[in-house]
Amino acid sequence: MAELTGARWRKSTRSSSNGGACVEVADNLPGVVGVRDSKDPAGPALAFTPTAWRAFVAQLADRA
């Protein structure tokens, strides 16, 4: 499992402030991008390599 200690989490600027379903991303760590549920910050987090994260985001953009 990737070490996410020291992660600086941020929410998308497109997230609403009404407590909706949002994710937070931490991309300040070397070699890993963390993703977690903003409603459960102490809960589990996913860890991607930067390459895998870019591919994931590109696929989402292609579907938008």
N, C-alpha and C. Protein backbone atom coordinates (compact mmCIF):
# COMPACT_ATOMS: atom_id res chain seq x y z
N MET A 1 0.84 -1.18 0.00
CA MET A 1 0.00 0.00 0.00
C MET A 1 0.89 1.24 0.00
N ALA A 2 0.49 2.23 -0.74
CA ALA A 2 1.25 3.48 -0.83
C ALA A 2 1.13 4.28 0.46
N GLU A 3 2.18 4.96 0.80
CA GLU A 3 2.20 5.82 1.99
C GLU A 3 1.64 7.19 1.62
N LEU A 4 0.56 7.59 2.27
CA LEU A 4 -0.08 8.87 1.97
C LEU A 4 0.10 9.89 3.09
N THR A 5 0.98 9.60 4.04
CA THR A 5 1.28 10.56 5.09
C THR A 5 1.88 11.81 4.46
N GLY A 6 1.41 12.95 4.85
CA GLY A 6 1.90 14.20 4.28
C GLY A 6 1.13 14.66 3.06
N ALA A 7 0.10 13.89 2.70
CA ALA A 7 -0.71 14.27 1.53
C ALA A 7 -1.44 15.58 1.79
N ARG A 8 -1.44 16.45 0.81
CA ARG A 8 -2.24 17.68 0.85
C ARG A 8 -3.46 17.45 -0.04
N TRP A 9 -4.59 17.26 0.59
CA TRP A 9 -5.82 16.92 -0.11
C TRP A 9 -6.52 18.17 -0.61
N ARG A 10 -7.08 18.07 -1.81
CA ARG A 10 -7.84 19.20 -2.37
C ARG A 10 -9.07 18.65 -3.09
N LYS A 11 -10.12 19.44 -3.05
CA LYS A 11 -11.36 19.11 -3.74
C LYS A 11 -11.40 19.81 -5.08
N SER A 12 -12.09 19.25 -6.01
CA SER A 12 -12.26 19.87 -7.31
C SER A 12 -12.93 21.23 -7.16
N THR A 13 -12.55 22.17 -8.00
CA THR A 13 -13.21 23.47 -8.00
C THR A 13 -14.64 23.35 -8.49
N ARG A 14 -14.98 22.24 -9.11
CA ARG A 14 -16.36 22.01 -9.57
C ARG A 14 -17.24 21.39 -8.50
N SER A 15 -16.66 21.08 -7.35
CA SER A 15 -17.43 20.51 -6.25
C SER A 15 -18.35 21.57 -5.66
N SER A 16 -19.52 21.13 -5.26
CA SER A 16 -20.44 22.06 -4.62
C SER A 16 -20.17 22.08 -3.12
N SER A 17 -20.70 23.07 -2.45
CA SER A 17 -20.50 23.18 -1.01
C SER A 17 -21.67 22.61 -0.22
N ASN A 18 -22.56 21.88 -0.88
CA ASN A 18 -23.74 21.37 -0.21
C ASN A 18 -23.55 19.96 0.36
N GLY A 19 -22.31 19.50 0.48
CA GLY A 19 -22.06 18.18 1.05
C GLY A 19 -22.30 17.04 0.11
N GLY A 20 -22.30 17.31 -1.18
CA GLY A 20 -22.54 16.27 -2.18
C GLY A 20 -21.41 15.27 -2.28
N ALA A 21 -21.55 14.35 -3.18
CA ALA A 21 -20.55 13.30 -3.40
C ALA A 21 -19.34 13.88 -4.12
N CYS A 22 -18.26 14.06 -3.40
CA CYS A 22 -17.04 14.63 -3.97
C CYS A 22 -15.85 13.75 -3.64
N VAL A 23 -14.84 13.86 -4.44
CA VAL A 23 -13.59 13.19 -4.13
C VAL A 23 -12.53 14.26 -3.89
N GLU A 24 -11.51 13.87 -3.14
CA GLU A 24 -10.36 14.73 -2.92
C GLU A 24 -9.15 14.03 -3.50
N VAL A 25 -8.23 14.82 -4.03
CA VAL A 25 -7.03 14.29 -4.66
C VAL A 25 -5.82 14.90 -3.97
N ALA A 26 -4.80 14.08 -3.78
CA ALA A 26 -3.51 14.56 -3.27
C ALA A 26 -2.45 14.18 -4.30
N ASP A 27 -1.86 15.20 -4.93
CA ASP A 27 -0.86 14.93 -5.96
C ASP A 27 0.49 15.56 -5.62
N ASN A 28 0.72 15.77 -4.34
CA ASN A 28 1.98 16.38 -3.90
C ASN A 28 3.04 15.37 -3.48
N LEU A 29 2.73 14.11 -3.52
CA LEU A 29 3.67 13.08 -3.07
C LEU A 29 4.42 12.48 -4.27
N PRO A 30 5.69 12.17 -4.09
CA PRO A 30 6.45 11.60 -5.21
C PRO A 30 5.98 10.18 -5.56
N GLY A 31 5.64 9.99 -6.82
CA GLY A 31 5.32 8.66 -7.32
C GLY A 31 3.94 8.13 -7.02
N VAL A 32 3.07 8.93 -6.40
CA VAL A 32 1.73 8.45 -6.06
C VAL A 32 0.73 9.61 -6.09
N VAL A 33 -0.49 9.29 -6.53
CA VAL A 33 -1.61 10.24 -6.47
C VAL A 33 -2.68 9.57 -5.62
N GLY A 34 -3.07 10.22 -4.53
CA GLY A 34 -4.09 9.68 -3.64
C GLY A 34 -5.46 10.23 -3.98
N VAL A 35 -6.48 9.40 -3.79
CA VAL A 35 -7.86 9.79 -4.04
C VAL A 35 -8.69 9.24 -2.88
N ARG A 36 -9.55 10.10 -2.32
CA ARG A 36 -10.41 9.67 -1.21
C ARG A 36 -11.77 10.36 -1.29
N ASP A 37 -12.72 9.83 -0.53
CA ASP A 37 -14.07 10.38 -0.44
C ASP A 37 -14.03 11.57 0.52
N SER A 38 -14.48 12.72 0.07
CA SER A 38 -14.43 13.92 0.91
C SER A 38 -15.32 13.81 2.14
N LYS A 39 -16.35 12.97 2.09
CA LYS A 39 -17.24 12.81 3.23
C LYS A 39 -16.66 11.88 4.29
N ASP A 40 -15.60 11.14 3.95
CA ASP A 40 -15.00 10.19 4.88
C ASP A 40 -13.48 10.30 4.81
N PRO A 41 -12.93 11.44 5.22
CA PRO A 41 -11.49 11.65 5.07
C PRO A 41 -10.62 10.68 5.87
N ALA A 42 -11.17 10.07 6.90
CA ALA A 42 -10.40 9.09 7.67
C ALA A 42 -10.57 7.67 7.10
N GLY A 43 -11.42 7.54 6.10
CA GLY A 43 -11.68 6.23 5.51
C GLY A 43 -10.59 5.83 4.53
N PRO A 44 -10.86 4.79 3.77
CA PRO A 44 -9.85 4.29 2.82
C PRO A 44 -9.58 5.28 1.69
N ALA A 45 -8.40 5.17 1.13
CA ALA A 45 -8.00 5.99 -0.02
C ALA A 45 -7.44 5.09 -1.10
N LEU A 46 -7.58 5.51 -2.32
CA LEU A 46 -6.97 4.82 -3.45
C LEU A 46 -5.64 5.47 -3.76
N ALA A 47 -4.72 4.70 -4.30
CA ALA A 47 -3.42 5.24 -4.69
C ALA A 47 -3.15 4.83 -6.13
N PHE A 48 -2.84 5.80 -6.96
CA PHE A 48 -2.52 5.60 -8.37
C PHE A 48 -1.08 6.03 -8.63
N THR A 49 -0.46 5.44 -9.63
CA THR A 49 0.78 6.02 -10.12
C THR A 49 0.39 7.28 -10.89
N PRO A 50 1.28 8.24 -11.02
CA PRO A 50 0.92 9.43 -11.81
C PRO A 50 0.49 9.08 -13.24
N THR A 51 1.13 8.11 -13.85
CA THR A 51 0.77 7.70 -15.22
C THR A 51 -0.64 7.12 -15.26
N ALA A 52 -0.97 6.26 -14.31
CA ALA A 52 -2.31 5.67 -14.25
C ALA A 52 -3.36 6.75 -13.98
N TRP A 53 -3.05 7.70 -13.12
CA TRP A 53 -3.98 8.78 -12.82
C TRP A 53 -4.26 9.62 -14.05
N ARG A 54 -3.21 9.99 -14.80
CA ARG A 54 -3.40 10.78 -16.02
C ARG A 54 -4.27 10.01 -17.03
N ALA A 55 -4.05 8.71 -17.15
CA ALA A 55 -4.86 7.91 -18.07
C ALA A 55 -6.31 7.86 -17.62
N PHE A 56 -6.54 7.72 -16.32
CA PHE A 56 -7.89 7.70 -15.78
C PHE A 56 -8.61 9.03 -16.05
N VAL A 57 -7.96 10.14 -15.76
CA VAL A 57 -8.56 11.46 -15.98
C VAL A 57 -8.81 11.69 -17.47
N ALA A 58 -7.89 11.25 -18.32
CA ALA A 58 -8.08 11.41 -19.77
C ALA A 58 -9.31 10.64 -20.24
N GLN A 59 -9.52 9.43 -19.70
CA GLN A 59 -10.70 8.65 -20.07
C GLN A 59 -11.98 9.36 -19.64
N LEU A 60 -11.96 9.96 -18.46
CA LEU A 60 -13.13 10.71 -18.00
C LEU A 60 -13.40 11.90 -18.91
N ALA A 61 -12.37 12.60 -19.29
CA ALA A 61 -12.52 13.78 -20.17
C ALA A 61 -13.08 13.36 -21.53
N ASP A 62 -12.66 12.20 -22.02
CA ASP A 62 -13.16 11.72 -23.32
C ASP A 62 -14.66 11.41 -23.27
N ARG A 63 -15.16 11.08 -22.10
CA ARG A 63 -16.57 10.72 -21.95
C ARG A 63 -17.45 11.92 -21.64
N ALA A 64 -16.85 13.04 -21.33
CA ALA A 64 -17.64 14.22 -20.95
C ALA A 64 -18.22 14.93 -22.15
